[in-house]
PDB file of N, CA and C in Angstrom:
ATOM      1  N   MET A   1      56.963 176.867 104.181  1.00  0.00           N
ATOM      2  CA  MET A   1      56.806 177.330 102.831  1.00  0.00           C
ATOM      3  C   MET A   1      57.002 175.981 101.995  1.00  0.00           C
ATOM      4  N   ASP A   2      56.246 175.794 101.121  1.00  0.00           N
ATOM      5  CA  ASP A   2      56.272 174.765 100.034  1.00  0.00           C
ATOM      6  C   ASP A   2      57.272 175.085  98.944  1.00  0.00           C
ATOM      7  N   VAL A   3      57.683 173.916  98.356  1.00  0.00           N
ATOM      8  CA  VAL A   3      58.741 174.018  97.342  1.00  0.00           C
ATOM      9  C   VAL A   3      58.226 174.854  96.261  1.00  0.00           C
ATOM     10  N   ALA A   4      56.971 174.517  95.860  1.00  0.00           N
ATOM     11  CA  ALA A   4      56.326 175.445  94.737  1.00  0.00           C
ATOM     12  C   ALA A   4      56.276 176.971  94.843  1.00  0.00           C
ATOM     13  N   ALA A   5      55.893 177.358  96.097  1.00  0.00           N
ATOM     14  CA  ALA A   5      56.066 178.701  96.579  1.00  0.00           C
ATOM     15  C   ALA A   5      57.420 179.290  96.663  1.00  0.00           C
ATOM     16  N   GLU A   6      58.216 178.449  97.047  1.00  0.00           N
ATOM     17  CA  GLU A   6      59.599 179.064  97.283  1.00  0.00           C
ATOM     18  C   GLU A   6      60.131 179.023  95.790  1.00  0.00           C
ATOM     19  N   GLY A   7      59.970 178.238  94.952  1.00  0.00           N
ATOM     20  CA  GLY A   7      60.292 178.468  93.448  1.00  0.00           C
ATOM     21  C   GLY A   7      59.635 179.708  92.794  1.00  0.00           C
ATOM     22  N   ASN A   8      58.425 179.993  93.192  1.00  0.00           N
ATOM     23  CA  ASN A   8      57.832 181.095  92.614  1.00  0.00           C
ATOM     24  C   ASN A   8      58.390 182.434  93.096  1.00  0.00           C
ATOM     25  N   ASN A   9      58.995 182.440  94.447  1.00  0.00           N
ATOM     26  CA  ASN A   9      59.842 183.556  94.796  1.00  0.00           C
ATOM     27  C   ASN A   9      60.778 183.887  94.016  1.00  0.00           C
ATOM     28  N   VAL A  10      61.652 182.932  93.858  1.00  0.00           N
ATOM     29  CA  VAL A  10      63.006 183.081  93.253  1.00  0.00           C
ATOM     30  C   VAL A  10      62.538 183.551  91.642  1.00  0.00           C
ATOM     31  N   LYS A  11      61.647 182.848  91.055  1.00  0.00           N
ATOM     32  CA  LYS A  11      61.422 183.172  89.771  1.00  0.00           C
ATOM     33  C   LYS A  11      60.876 184.663  89.517  1.00  0.00           C
ATOM     34  N   HIS A  12      59.977 185.143  90.645  1.00  0.00           N
ATOM     35  CA  HIS A  12      59.451 186.464  90.533  1.00  0.00           C
ATOM     36  C   HIS A  12      60.216 187.382  91.221  1.00  0.00           C
ATOM     37  N   GLY A  13      61.350 187.287  91.910  1.00  0.00           N
ATOM     38  CA  GLY A  13      62.076 188.002  92.600  1.00  0.00           C
ATOM     39  C   GLY A  13      61.478 188.587  93.935  1.00  0.00           C
ATOM     40  N   ARG A  14      60.675 187.919  94.597  1.00  0.00           N
ATOM     41  CA  ARG A  14      60.048 188.313  95.688  1.00  0.00           C
ATOM     42  C   ARG A  14      60.958 187.846  96.921  1.00  0.00           C
ATOM     43  N   PRO A  15      60.919 188.988  97.960  1.00  0.00           N
ATOM     44  CA  PRO A  15      61.942 188.618  99.074  1.00  0.00           C
ATOM     45  C   PRO A  15      61.714 187.267  99.901  1.00  0.00           C
ATOM     46  N   GLU A  16      62.655 186.953 100.068  1.00  0.00           N
ATOM     47  CA  GLU A  16      62.499 185.472 101.096  1.00  0.00           C
ATOM     48  C   GLU A  16      61.553 185.836 102.065  1.00  0.00           C
ATOM     49  N   GLY A  17      60.638 184.835 102.290  1.00  0.00           N
ATOM     50  CA  GLY A  17      59.626 184.880 103.424  1.00  0.00           C
ATOM     51  C   GLY A  17      58.364 185.348 102.794  1.00  0.00           C
ATOM     52  N   GLU A  18      58.292 185.644 101.508  1.00  0.00           N
ATOM     53  CA  GLU A  18      56.915 186.233 101.056  1.00  0.00           C
ATOM     54  C   GLU A  18      56.403 185.189 100.025  1.00  0.00           C
ATOM     55  N   THR A  19      55.359 184.858  99.929  1.00  0.00           N
ATOM     56  CA  THR A  19      54.792 183.827  99.206  1.00  0.00           C
ATOM     57  C   THR A  19      53.416 184.301  98.747  1.00  0.00           C
ATOM     58  N   ASP A  20      53.377 184.335  97.505  1.00  0.00           N
ATOM     59  CA  ASP A  20      52.107 184.886  96.732  1.00  0.00           C
ATOM     60  C   ASP A  20      51.227 186.015  97.560  1.00  0.00           C
ATOM     61  N   GLY A  21      52.317 186.894  97.845  1.00  0.00           N
ATOM     62  CA  GLY A  21      51.640 188.204  98.675  1.00  0.00           C
ATOM     63  C   GLY A  21      51.270 187.952 100.152  1.00  0.00           C
ATOM     64  N   VAL A  22      51.493 186.812 100.686  1.00  0.00           N
ATOM     65  CA  VAL A  22      51.522 186.647 102.226  1.00  0.00           C
ATOM     66  C   VAL A  22      52.928 186.683 102.711  1.00  0.00           C
ATOM     67  N   PHE A  23      52.954 187.667 103.552  1.00  0.00           N
ATOM     68  CA  PHE A  23      54.220 187.848 104.170  1.00  0.00           C
ATOM     69  C   PHE A  23      54.449 186.980 105.491  1.00  0.00           C
ATOM     70  N   ASP A  24      55.612 186.493 105.513  1.00  0.00           N
ATOM     71  CA  ASP A  24      55.900 185.604 106.668  1.00  0.00           C
ATOM     72  C   ASP A  24      56.357 186.363 107.747  1.00  0.00           C
ATOM     73  N   ALA A  25      55.522 186.405 108.917  1.00  0.00           N
ATOM     74  CA  ALA A  25      55.749 187.559 109.813  1.00  0.00           C
ATOM     75  C   ALA A  25      57.052 186.980 110.680  1.00  0.00           C
ATOM     76  N   ALA A  26      57.199 185.742 110.856  1.00  0.00           N
ATOM     77  CA  ALA A  26      58.325 185.235 111.602  1.00  0.00           C
ATOM     78  C   ALA A  26      59.690 185.481 111.020  1.00  0.00           C
ATOM     79  N   HIS A  27      59.773 185.532 109.803  1.00  0.00           N
ATOM     80  CA  HIS A  27      60.982 185.850 109.017  1.00  0.00           C
ATOM     81  C   HIS A  27      61.341 187.255 109.032  1.00  0.00           C
ATOM     82  N   ALA A  28      60.025 188.053 108.979  1.00  0.00           N
ATOM     83  CA  ALA A  28      60.281 189.548 109.140  1.00  0.00           C
ATOM     84  C   ALA A  28      60.635 190.012 110.511  1.00  0.00           C
ATOM     85  N   ALA A  29      60.217 189.364 111.508  1.00  0.00           N
ATOM     86  CA  ALA A  29      60.627 189.684 112.985  1.00  0.00           C
ATOM     87  C   ALA A  29      62.138 189.210 113.148  1.00  0.00           C
ATOM     88  N   ARG A  30      62.661 188.078 112.624  1.00  0.00           N
ATOM     89  CA  ARG A  30      64.150 187.781 112.603  1.00  0.00           C
ATOM     90  C   ARG A  30      65.095 188.671 111.747  1.00  0.00           C
ATOM     91  N   ARG A  31      64.410 189.151 110.695  1.00  0.00           N
ATOM     92  CA  ARG A  31      65.205 190.176 109.962  1.00  0.00           C
ATOM     93  C   ARG A  31      65.420 191.449 110.529  1.00  0.00           C
ATOM     94  N   ALA A  32      64.220 191.989 111.154  1.00  0.00           N
ATOM     95  CA  ALA A  32      64.159 193.200 111.882  1.00  0.00           C
ATOM     96  C   ALA A  32      65.103 193.181 113.200  1.00  0.00           C
ATOM     97  N   ALA A  33      65.106 192.264 113.731  1.00  0.00           N
ATOM     98  CA  ALA A  33      66.009 191.893 115.115  1.00  0.00           C
ATOM     99  C   ALA A  33      67.542 191.957 114.756  1.00  0.00           C
ATOM    100  N   THR A  34      67.832 191.677 113.545  1.00  0.00           N
ATOM    101  CA  THR A  34      69.079 191.652 113.200  1.00  0.00           C
ATOM    102  C   THR A  34      69.627 193.055 112.641  1.00  0.00           C
ATOM    103  N   GLU A  35      68.749 193.635 112.064  1.00  0.00           N
ATOM    104  CA  GLU A  35      68.913 194.961 111.454  1.00  0.00           C
ATOM    105  C   GLU A  35      68.820 196.020 112.494  1.00  0.00           C
ATOM    106  N   LEU A  36      68.347 195.983 113.647  1.00  0.00           N
ATOM    107  CA  LEU A  36      68.281 197.082 114.471  1.00  0.00           C
ATOM    108  C   LEU A  36      69.577 197.732 114.834  1.00  0.00           C
ATOM    109  N   LYS A  37      69.702 198.930 114.951  1.00  0.00           N
ATOM    110  CA  LYS A  37      70.887 199.673 115.058  1.00  0.00           C
ATOM    111  C   LYS A  37      70.624 200.808 116.155  1.00  0.00           C
ATOM    112  N   THR A  38      71.699 201.117 116.867  1.00  0.00           N
ATOM    113  CA  THR A  38      71.627 202.278 117.804  1.00  0.00           C
ATOM    114  C   THR A  38      71.997 203.520 117.037  1.00  0.00           C
ATOM    115  N   LEU A  39      70.992 204.501 117.098  1.00  0.00           N
ATOM    116  CA  LEU A  39      71.269 205.705 116.470  1.00  0.00           C
ATOM    117  C   LEU A  39      71.657 206.912 117.508  1.00  0.00           C
ATOM    118  N   ARG A  40      72.744 207.757 117.185  1.00  0.00           N
ATOM    119  CA  ARG A  40      72.913 208.875 117.959  1.00  0.00           C
ATOM    120  C   ARG A  40      72.813 210.094 117.213  1.00  0.00           C
ATOM    121  N   GLU A  41      72.417 211.125 117.870  1.00  0.00           N
ATOM    122  CA  GLU A  41      72.219 212.463 117.110  1.00  0.00           C
ATOM    123  C   GLU A  41      73.565 213.108 117.049  1.00  0.00           C
ATOM    124  N   ILE A  42      73.706 213.682 115.769  1.00  0.00           N
ATOM    125  CA  ILE A  42      74.936 214.443 115.456  1.00  0.00           C
ATOM    126  C   ILE A  42      74.577 215.869 115.296  1.00  0.00           C
ATOM    127  N   VAL A  43      73.377 216.134 114.796  1.00  0.00           N
ATOM    128  CA  VAL A  43      72.924 217.573 114.403  1.00  0.00           C
ATOM    129  C   VAL A  43      71.600 217.829 114.984  1.00  0.00           C
ATOM    130  N   ARG A  44      71.445 219.131 115.286  1.00  0.00           N
ATOM    131  CA  ARG A  44      69.981 219.546 115.660  1.00  0.00           C
ATOM    132  C   ARG A  44      69.927 220.702 115.126  1.00  0.00           C
ATOM    133  N   THR A  45      68.991 221.197 114.359  1.00  0.00           N
ATOM    134  CA  THR A  45      68.826 222.447 113.682  1.00  0.00           C
ATOM    135  C   THR A  45      67.424 222.814 113.265  1.00  0.00           C
ATOM    136  N   ASN A  46      67.063 224.066 113.096  1.00  0.00           N
ATOM    137  CA  ASN A  46      66.019 224.253 112.441  1.00  0.00           C
ATOM    138  C   ASN A  46      66.122 224.851 110.991  1.00  0.00           C
ATOM    139  N   ASP A  47      67.206 224.805 110.553  1.00  0.00           N
ATOM    140  CA  ASP A  47      67.455 225.139 109.084  1.00  0.00           C
ATOM    141  C   ASP A  47      67.523 224.108 108.230  1.00  0.00           C
ATOM    142  N   ALA A  48      66.295 224.044 107.337  1.00  0.00           N
ATOM    143  CA  ALA A  48      66.071 222.890 106.516  1.00  0.00           C
ATOM    144  C   ALA A  48      66.786 222.769 105.255  1.00  0.00           C
ATOM    145  N   VAL A  49      67.563 224.016 104.829  1.00  0.00           N
ATOM    146  CA  VAL A  49      68.483 223.921 103.892  1.00  0.00           C
ATOM    147  C   VAL A  49      69.814 223.302 104.330  1.00  0.00           C
ATOM    148  N   LEU A  50      70.128 223.635 105.571  1.00  0.00           N
ATOM    149  CA  LEU A  50      71.220 222.773 106.311  1.00  0.00           C
ATOM    150  C   LEU A  50      71.169 221.546 106.356  1.00  0.00           C
ATOM    151  N   ILE A  51      69.885 221.051 106.834  1.00  0.00           N
ATOM    152  CA  ILE A  51      69.699 219.597 107.093  1.00  0.00           C
ATOM    153  C   ILE A  51      69.789 218.990 105.586  1.00  0.00           C
ATOM    154  N   SER A  52      69.220 219.613 104.542  1.00  0.00           N
ATOM    155  CA  SER A  52      69.347 218.881 103.121  1.00  0.00           C
ATOM    156  C   SER A  52      70.995 218.831 102.669  1.00  0.00           C
ATOM    157  N   ALA A  53      71.673 219.794 102.878  1.00  0.00           N
ATOM    158  CA  ALA A  53      73.054 219.755 102.666  1.00  0.00           C
ATOM    159  C   ALA A  53      73.845 218.720 103.307  1.00  0.00           C
ATOM    160  N   LEU A  54      73.571 218.652 104.608  1.00  0.00           N
ATOM    161  CA  LEU A  54      74.123 217.538 105.352  1.00  0.00           C
ATOM    162  C   LEU A  54      73.717 216.221 105.035  1.00  0.00           C
ATOM    163  N   GLU A  55      72.578 215.965 104.748  1.00  0.00           N
ATOM    164  CA  GLU A  55      71.932 214.567 104.414  1.00  0.00           C
ATOM    165  C   GLU A  55      72.520 214.248 102.951  1.00  0.00           C
ATOM    166  N   ALA A  56      72.836 215.213 102.053  1.00  0.00           N
ATOM    167  CA  ALA A  56      73.351 214.835 100.854  1.00  0.00           C
ATOM    168  C   ALA A  56      74.846 214.485 100.965  1.00  0.00           C
ATOM    169  N   LEU A  57      75.577 215.040 101.875  1.00  0.00           N
ATOM    170  CA  LEU A  57      76.903 214.683 102.283  1.00  0.00           C
ATOM    171  C   LEU A  57      76.956 213.290 102.886  1.00  0.00           C
ATOM    172  N   LEU A  58      75.936 212.929 103.668  1.00  0.00           N
ATOM    173  CA  LEU A  58      75.925 211.533 104.375  1.00  0.00           C
ATOM    174  C   LEU A  58      75.472 210.502 103.232  1.00  0.00           C
ATOM    175  N   LYS A  59      74.755 210.841 102.525  1.00  0.00           N
ATOM    176  CA  LYS A  59      74.213 209.915 101.501  1.00  0.00           C
ATOM    177  C   LYS A  59      75.377 209.611 100.556  1.00  0.00           C
ATOM    178  N   ALA A  60      75.978 210.819 100.114  1.00  0.00           N
ATOM    179  CA  ALA A  60      77.220 210.428  99.136  1.00  0.00           C
ATOM    180  C   ALA A  60      78.286 209.522  99.806  1.00  0.00           C
ATOM    181  N   ALA A  61      78.487 209.794 101.042  1.00  0.00           N
ATOM    182  CA  ALA A  61      79.479 209.027 101.673  1.00  0.00           C
ATOM    183  C   ALA A  61      79.100 207.558 102.224  1.00  0.00           C
ATOM    184  N   ARG A  62      77.620 207.333 101.839  1.00  0.00           N
ATOM    185  CA  ARG A  62      77.016 206.233 102.264  1.00  0.00           C
ATOM    186  C   ARG A  62      77.092 205.737 103.656  1.00  0.00           C
ATOM    187  N   ILE A  63      76.800 206.964 104.477  1.00  0.00           N
ATOM    188  CA  ILE A  63      76.663 206.786 105.997  1.00  0.00           C
ATOM    189  C   ILE A  63      75.190 206.642 106.185  1.00  0.00           C
ATOM    190  N   GLY A  64      74.879 205.611 107.072  1.00  0.00           N
ATOM    191  CA  GLY A  64      73.567 205.534 107.554  1.00  0.00           C
ATOM    192  C   GLY A  64      73.006 206.371 108.538  1.00  0.00           C
ATOM    193  N   HIS A  65      72.086 207.023 108.143  1.00  0.00           N
ATOM    194  CA  HIS A  65      71.390 208.193 108.857  1.00  0.00           C
ATOM    195  C   HIS A  65      69.907 208.190 108.801  1.00  0.00           C
ATOM    196  N   LEU A  66      69.273 209.017 109.630  1.00  0.00           N
ATOM    197  CA  LEU A  66      68.018 209.270 109.625  1.00  0.00           C
ATOM    198  C   LEU A  66      67.621 210.554 109.981  1.00  0.00           C
ATOM    199  N   VAL A  67      66.674 211.373 109.342  1.00  0.00           N
ATOM    200  CA  VAL A  67      66.467 212.800 109.737  1.00  0.00           C
ATOM    201  C   VAL A  67      64.984 212.614 110.408  1.00  0.00           C
ATOM    202  N   VAL A  68      64.949 212.986 111.639  1.00  0.00           N
ATOM    203  CA  VAL A  68      63.649 212.893 112.422  1.00  0.00           C
ATOM    204  C   VAL A  68      63.212 214.288 112.677  1.00  0.00           C
ATOM    205  N   ASP A  69      62.040 214.377 113.130  1.00  0.00           N
ATOM    206  CA  ASP A  69      61.106 215.509 113.551  1.00  0.00           C
ATOM    207  C   ASP A  69      60.910 216.470 112.415  1.00  0.00           C
ATOM    208  N   GLN A  70      60.952 215.968 111.160  1.00  0.00           N
ATOM    209  CA  GLN A  70      60.729 216.742 109.993  1.00  0.00           C
ATOM    210  C   GLN A  70      59.222 217.221 109.930  1.00  0.00           C
ATOM    211  N   ASN A  71      58.284 216.188 110.446  1.00  0.00           N
ATOM    212  CA  ASN A  71      56.783 216.443 110.235  1.00  0.00           C
ATOM    213  C   ASN A  71      56.349 217.223 111.527  1.00  0.00           C
ATOM    214  N   MET A  72      57.205 217.472 112.526  1.00  0.00           N
ATOM    215  CA  MET A  72      56.612 218.240 113.595  1.00  0.00           C
ATOM    216  C   MET A  72      56.126 219.810 113.083  1.00  0.00           C
ATOM    217  N   SER A  73      56.647 220.310 111.925  1.00  0.00           N
ATOM    218  CA  SER A  73      56.049 221.597 111.288  1.00  0.00           C
ATOM    219  C   SER A  73      54.792 221.531 111.272  1.00  0.00           C
ATOM    220  N   VAL A  74      54.055 220.343 110.867  1.00  0.00           N
ATOM    221  CA  VAL A  74      52.716 220.313 110.852  1.00  0.00           C
ATOM    222  C   VAL A  74      51.960 220.729 112.044  1.00  0.00           C
ATOM    223  N   LEU A  75      52.616 220.139 113.105  1.00  0.00           N
ATOM    224  CA  LEU A  75      51.922 220.659 114.461  1.00  0.00           C
ATOM    225  C   LEU A  75      52.229 221.905 114.889  1.00  0.00           C
ATOM    226  N   GLU A  76      53.372 222.662 114.375  1.00  0.00           N
ATOM    227  CA  GLU A  76      53.743 223.769 114.883  1.00  0.00           C
ATOM    228  C   GLU A  76      53.251 224.884 114.104  1.00  0.00           C
ATOM    229  N   GLY A  77      52.599 224.642 112.992  1.00  0.00           N
ATOM    230  CA  GLY A  77      52.032 225.612 111.998  1.00  0.00           C
ATOM    231  C   GLY A  77      53.156 226.075 111.185  1.00  0.00           C
ATOM    232  N   SER A  78      54.176 225.312 110.867  1.00  0.00           N
ATOM    233  CA  SER A  78      55.201 225.602 109.764  1.00  0.00           C
ATOM    234  C   SER A  78      56.062 226.807 110.290  1.00  0.00           C
ATOM    235  N   ILE A  79      56.160 227.213 111.346  1.00  0.00           N
ATOM    236  CA  ILE A  79      56.885 228.320 111.702  1.00  0.00           C
ATOM    237  C   ILE A  79      58.456 227.991 112.267  1.00  0.00           C
ATOM    238  N   GLY A  80      58.840 226.676 112.176  1.00  0.00           N
ATOM    239  CA  GLY A  80      60.188 226.353 112.500  1.00  0.00           C
ATOM    240  C   GLY A  80      60.679 226.461 114.023  1.00  0.00           C
ATOM    241  N   ILE A  81      59.739 226.293 114.874  1.00  0.00           N
ATOM    242  CA  ILE A  81      60.127 226.081 116.192  1.00  0.00           C
ATOM    243  C   ILE A  81      60.995 224.915 116.709  1.00  0.00           C
ATOM    244  N   PHE A  82      60.397 223.778 116.236  1.00  0.00           N
ATOM    245  CA  PHE A  82      60.993 222.528 116.600  1.00  0.00           C
ATOM    246  C   PHE A  82      62.152 222.293 115.702  1.00  0.00           C
ATOM    247  N   PRO A  83      63.344 221.813 116.197  1.00  0.00           N
ATOM    248  CA  PRO A  83      64.507 221.587 115.366  1.00  0.00           C
ATOM    249  C   PRO A  83      64.392 220.161 114.665  1.00  0.00           C
ATOM    250  N   ARG A  84      64.957 219.861 113.630  1.00  0.00           N
ATOM    251  CA  ARG A  84      64.989 218.587 113.096  1.00  0.00           C
ATOM    252  C   ARG A  84      66.243 217.989 113.602  1.00  0.00           C
ATOM    253  N   ARG A  85      66.496 216.696 113.722  1.00  0.00           N
ATOM    254  CA  ARG A  85      67.741 215.946 114.234  1.00  0.00           C
ATOM    255  C   ARG A  85      68.227 215.137 113.113  1.00  0.00           C
ATOM    256  N   ILE A  86      69.406 215.000 112.950  1.00  0.00           N
ATOM    257  CA  ILE A  86      69.956 213.922 112.162  1.00  0.00           C
ATOM    258  C   ILE A  86      70.696 212.913 112.999  1.00  0.00           C
ATOM    259  N   LEU A  87      70.190 211.687 112.889  1.00  0.00           N
ATOM    260  CA  LEU A  87      70.730 210.584 113.676  1.00  0.00           C
ATOM    261  C   LEU A  87      71.701 209.647 112.841  1.00  0.00           C
ATOM    262  N   VAL A  88      72.752 209.196 113.258  1.00  0.00           N
ATOM    263  CA  VAL A  88      73.654 208.414 112.513  1.00  0.00           C
ATOM    264  C   VAL A  88      73.659 207.058 113.395  1.00  0.00           C
ATOM    265  N   ASP A  89      73.907 205.857 112.550  1.00  0.00           N
ATOM    266  CA  ASP A  89      74.112 204.687 113.114  1.00  0.00           C
ATOM    267  C   ASP A  89      75.346 204.783 114.046  1.00  0.00           C
ATOM    268  N   ASP A  90      75.335 204.131 115.229  1.00  0.00           N
ATOM    269  CA  ASP A  90      76.330 204.133 116.084  1.00  0.00           C
ATOM    270  C   ASP A  90      77.786 203.890 115.750  1.00  0.00           C
ATOM    271  N   ASP A  91      77.588 202.988 114.775  1.00  0.00           N
ATOM    272  CA  ASP A  91      79.189 202.578 114.428  1.00  0.00           C
ATOM    273  C   ASP A  91      79.635 203.323 113.263  1.00  0.00           C
ATOM    274  N   GLU A  92      78.924 204.421 112.847  1.00  0.00           N
ATOM    275  CA  GLU A  92      79.350 205.308 111.814  1.00  0.00           C
ATOM    276  C   GLU A  92      79.472 206.732 112.181  1.00  0.00           C
ATOM    277  N   VAL A  93      79.144 206.980 113.566  1.00  0.00           N
ATOM    278  CA  VAL A  93      79.250 208.212 114.065  1.00  0.00           C
ATOM    279  C   VAL A  93      80.664 208.941 113.865  1.00  0.00           C
ATOM    280  N   ALA A  94      81.847 208.340 114.203  1.00  0.00           N
ATOM    281  CA  ALA A  94      83.105 208.724 114.083  1.00  0.00           C
ATOM    282  C   ALA A  94      83.233 209.142 112.390  1.00  0.00           C
ATOM    283  N   ALA A  95      83.007 208.539 111.696  1.00  0.00           N
ATOM    284  CA  ALA A  95      83.174 208.691 110.105  1.00  0.00           C
ATOM    285  C   ALA A  95      82.137 209.886 109.781  1.00  0.00           C
ATOM    286  N   ALA A  96      80.921 210.064 110.292  1.00  0.00           N
ATOM    287  CA  ALA A  96      80.075 211.174 109.909  1.00  0.00           C
ATOM    288  C   ALA A  96      80.539 212.396 110.540  1.00  0.00           C
ATOM    289  N   ARG A  97      81.072 212.351 111.869  1.00  0.00           N
ATOM    290  CA  ARG A  97      81.625 213.492 112.274  1.00  0.00           C
ATOM    291  C   ARG A  97      82.827 214.172 111.672  1.00  0.00           C
ATOM    292  N   ARG A  98      83.702 213.261 111.181  1.00  0.00           N
ATOM    293  CA  ARG A  98      84.983 213.596 110.451  1.00  0.00           C
ATOM    294  C   ARG A  98      84.413 214.146 109.192  1.00  0.00           C
ATOM    295  N   LEU A  99      83.478 213.591 108.511  1.00  0.00           N
ATOM    296  CA  LEU A  99      83.067 214.181 107.174  1.00  0.00           C
ATOM    297  C   LEU A  99      82.479 215.515 107.355  1.00  0.00           C
ATOM    298  N   LEU A 100      81.793 215.746 108.318  1.00  0.00           N
ATOM    299  CA  LEU A 100      81.009 216.940 108.599  1.00  0.00           C
ATOM    300  C   LEU A 100      82.077 218.049 108.860  1.00  0.00           C
ATOM    301  N   ILE A 101      82.980 217.589 109.796  1.00  0.00           N
ATOM    302  CA  ILE A 101      84.258 218.669 110.136  1.00  0.00           C
ATOM    303  C   ILE A 101      85.068 219.013 108.997  1.00  0.00           C
ATOM    304  N   GLU A 102      85.304 218.089 108.020  1.00  0.00           N
ATOM    305  CA  GLU A 102      86.111 218.203 106.721  1.00  0.00           C
ATOM    306  C   GLU A 102      85.260 219.102 105.791  1.00  0.00           C
ATOM    307  N   ALA A 103      83.954 218.926 105.856  1.00  0.00           N
ATOM    308  CA  ALA A 103      83.214 219.861 105.070  1.00  0.00           C
ATOM    309  C   ALA A 103      82.812 221.118 105.507  1.00  0.00           C
ATOM    310  N   GLY A 104      83.317 221.555 106.650  1.00  0.00           N
ATOM    311  CA  GLY A 104      83.204 222.990 107.352  1.00  0.00           C
ATOM    312  C   GLY A 104      81.981 222.954 108.235  1.00  0.00           C
ATOM    313  N   TYR A 105      81.383 221.987 108.660  1.00  0.00           N
ATOM    314  CA  TYR A 105      80.270 221.978 109.519  1.00  0.00           C
ATOM    315  C   TYR A 105      80.531 221.574 110.902  1.00  0.00           C
ATOM    316  N   ALA A 106      81.732 221.778 111.490  1.00  0.00           N
ATOM    317  CA  ALA A 106      82.004 221.366 112.855  1.00  0.00           C
ATOM    318  C   ALA A 106      81.155 222.062 113.639  1.00  0.00           C
ATOM    319  N   HIS A 107      80.900 223.367 113.551  1.00  0.00           N
ATOM    320  CA  HIS A 107      80.046 224.102 114.477  1.00  0.00           C
ATOM    321  C   HIS A 107      78.701 223.683 114.568  1.00  0.00           C
ATOM    322  N   GLU A 108      78.289 222.945 113.707  1.00  0.00           N
ATOM    323  CA  GLU A 108      76.880 222.443 113.687  1.00  0.00           C
ATOM    324  C   GLU A 108      76.757 221.050 114.380  1.00  0.00           C
ATOM    325  N   LEU A 109      77.814 220.307 114.671  1.00  0.00           N
ATOM    326  CA  LEU A 109      77.848 219.249 115.509  1.00  0.00           C
ATOM    327  C   LEU A 109      77.454 219.195 116.931  1.00  0.00           C
ATOM    328  N   ARG A 110      76.611 218.389 117.323  1.00  0.00           N
ATOM    329  CA  ARG A 110      76.414 218.160 118.659  1.00  0.00           C
ATOM    330  C   ARG A 110      77.609 217.589 119.529  1.00  0.00           C
ATOM    331  N   PRO A 111      77.596 217.878 120.931  1.00  0.00           N
ATOM    332  CA  PRO A 111      78.746 217.455 121.533  1.00  0.00           C
ATOM    333  C   PRO A 111      78.742 215.880 121.443  1.00  0.00           C
ATOM    334  N   ASP A 112      79.852 215.351 121.384  1.00  0.00           N
ATOM    335  CA  ASP A 112      80.174 213.837 121.285  1.00  0.00           C
ATOM    336  C   ASP A 112      79.989 213.113 122.679  1.00  0.00           C
ATOM    337  N   LYS A 113      78.961 212.547 122.940  1.00  0.00           N
ATOM    338  CA  LYS A 113      78.828 211.886 124.425  1.00  0.00           C
ATOM    339  C   LYS A 113      79.361 210.478 124.223  1.00  0.00           C
ATOM    340  N   GLY A 114      79.915 210.034 123.281  1.00  0.00           N
ATOM    341  CA  GLY A 114      80.137 208.564 122.965  1.00  0.00           C
ATOM    342  C   GLY A 114      81.433 208.260 123.237  1.00  0.00           C
TER     343      GLY A 114
END
């Protein structure tokens, strides 16, 4: 990357590796490789309200998580057959489980296989 383009990034607040709208793929690959995390399932349920409540708790506690299978309802005709799953970063599973137990959701937790 040339110095002029680098200065432009700083001035316009662009992420490192992006110059005038052209993304540096090598930089993106390096960043993605360092950000990959192992996720573990802690909850599986068909209850959309429960998912919202648990997600709010995890967000408030700043615990990294991901809700997956939400769009399966499109395939199933929105009848709620397929459960949604909450996955948590492997290094935060203990904190997430402790949080949900303290909040009264121990019965919703999947068995801990870790």
